[in-house]
Amino acid sequence: MDITRAQEILQASERITVEMNGVPVWIDSVDRQGNKVKVHAESNPADTRTVSVEELDEVH
C-alpha cells in the first residue's frame, strides 16, 4: 500500500478492510513524512504499533 491510499482509507466513511501479515487492522494515523502508519489489530485495540505503510494490504 502507499501512503496516499492509507490516508484515503483513514478518512473514508465506509469500512475498508486492511490487513498486516494476514491480520485485520485499523489505521489510527498516518505519518506522511516518515511513510509510516499507526495501526491496531481489530481483535486487540490495545495492541498498537507504528509500521511502514508497505506492510499493509487492502483486501478487496
C-alpha atoms as a PDB file:
ATOM      1  CA  MET A   1       0.000   0.000   0.000  1.00  0.00           C
ATOM      2  CA  ASP A   2       1.159   3.566  -0.478  1.00  0.00           C
ATOM      3  CA  ILE A   3       0.841   6.476   1.932  1.00  0.00           C
ATOM      4  CA  THR A   4      -1.815   8.276  -0.132  1.00  0.00           C
ATOM      5  CA  ARG A   5      -4.098   5.224  -0.108  1.00  0.00           C
ATOM      6  CA  ALA A   6      -3.568   4.773   3.632  1.00  0.00           C
ATOM      7  CA  GLN A   7      -4.696   8.392   4.161  1.00  0.00           C
ATOM      8  CA  GLU A   8      -7.766   7.825   1.955  1.00  0.00           C
ATOM      9  CA  ILE A   9      -8.708   4.717   3.945  1.00  0.00           C
ATOM     10  CA  LEU A  10      -8.275   6.575   7.240  1.00  0.00           C
ATOM     11  CA  GLN A  11     -10.624   9.338   6.054  1.00  0.00           C
ATOM     12  CA  ALA A  12     -13.173   7.068   4.338  1.00  0.00           C
ATOM     13  CA  SER A  13     -16.700   6.973   5.720  1.00  0.00           C
ATOM     14  CA  GLU A  14     -17.147   3.330   4.756  1.00  0.00           C
ATOM     15  CA  ARG A  15     -15.210   0.407   6.210  1.00  0.00           C
ATOM     16  CA  ILE A  16     -12.281  -0.702   4.069  1.00  0.00           C
ATOM     17  CA  THR A  17     -10.595  -3.921   5.116  1.00  0.00           C
ATOM     18  CA  VAL A  18      -6.844  -3.657   5.663  1.00  0.00           C
ATOM     19  CA  GLU A  19      -4.510  -6.441   6.763  1.00  0.00           C
ATOM     20  CA  MET A  20      -0.963  -6.625   8.041  1.00  0.00           C
ATOM     21  CA  ASN A  21       0.597 -10.093   7.723  1.00  0.00           C
ATOM     22  CA  GLY A  22      -2.890 -11.556   7.224  1.00  0.00           C
ATOM     23  CA  VAL A  23      -4.285  -9.939  10.399  1.00  0.00           C
ATOM     24  CA  PRO A  24      -7.115  -7.375  10.036  1.00  0.00           C
ATOM     25  CA  VAL A  25      -6.043  -3.955  11.366  1.00  0.00           C
ATOM     26  CA  TRP A  26      -7.438  -0.437  11.702  1.00  0.00           C
ATOM     27  CA  ILE A  27      -5.373   2.560  10.633  1.00  0.00           C
ATOM     28  CA  ASP A  28      -5.239   5.066  13.512  1.00  0.00           C
ATOM     29  CA  SER A  29      -2.956   7.703  11.990  1.00  0.00           C
ATOM     30  CA  VAL A  30      -0.717   8.384   9.007  1.00  0.00           C
ATOM     31  CA  ASP A  31       2.759   9.945   9.082  1.00  0.00           C
ATOM     32  CA  ARG A  32       3.309  11.143   5.510  1.00  0.00           C
ATOM     33  CA  GLN A  33       6.853  12.375   6.137  1.00  0.00           C
ATOM     34  CA  GLY A  34       8.013   9.121   7.708  1.00  0.00           C
ATOM     35  CA  ASN A  35       5.932   6.930   5.363  1.00  0.00           C
ATOM     36  CA  LYS A  36       4.595   5.189   8.485  1.00  0.00           C
ATOM     37  CA  VAL A  37       1.156   4.361   9.837  1.00  0.00           C
ATOM     38  CA  LYS A  38      -0.070   3.664  13.353  1.00  0.00           C
ATOM     39  CA  VAL A  39      -2.378   0.649  13.427  1.00  0.00           C
ATOM     40  CA  HIS A  40      -4.100  -1.639  15.888  1.00  0.00           C
ATOM     41  CA  ALA A  41      -5.373  -5.181  15.459  1.00  0.00           C
ATOM     42  CA  GLU A  42      -9.154  -5.373  15.149  1.00  0.00           C
ATOM     43  CA  SER A  43      -9.189  -8.150  17.725  1.00  0.00           C
ATOM     44  CA  ASN A  44      -6.999  -6.236  20.193  1.00  0.00           C
ATOM     45  CA  PRO A  45      -7.375  -2.417  20.123  1.00  0.00           C
ATOM     46  CA  ALA A  46      -4.737  -2.038  22.856  1.00  0.00           C
ATOM     47  CA  ASP A  47      -2.112  -3.613  20.571  1.00  0.00           C
ATOM     48  CA  THR A  48      -0.997  -0.523  18.646  1.00  0.00           C
ATOM     49  CA  ARG A  49       2.138  -0.303  16.560  1.00  0.00           C
ATOM     50  CA  THR A  50       3.780   2.010  14.083  1.00  0.00           C
ATOM     51  CA  VAL A  51       4.786   0.266  10.876  1.00  0.00           C
ATOM     52  CA  SER A  52       5.904   1.038   7.349  1.00  0.00           C
ATOM     53  CA  VAL A  53       2.932   1.630   5.066  1.00  0.00           C
ATOM     54  CA  GLU A  54       4.283  -1.055   2.710  1.00  0.00           C
ATOM     55  CA  GLU A  55       3.422  -3.682   5.342  1.00  0.00           C
ATOM     56  CA  LEU A  56      -0.307  -3.076   4.818  1.00  0.00           C
ATOM     57  CA  ASP A  57      -2.555  -4.719   2.231  1.00  0.00           C
ATOM     58  CA  GLU A  58      -6.024  -3.597   1.209  1.00  0.00           C
ATOM     59  CA  VAL A  59      -8.414  -6.563   0.994  1.00  0.00           C
ATOM     60  CA  HIS A  60     -10.867  -6.466  -1.906  1.00  0.00           C
END
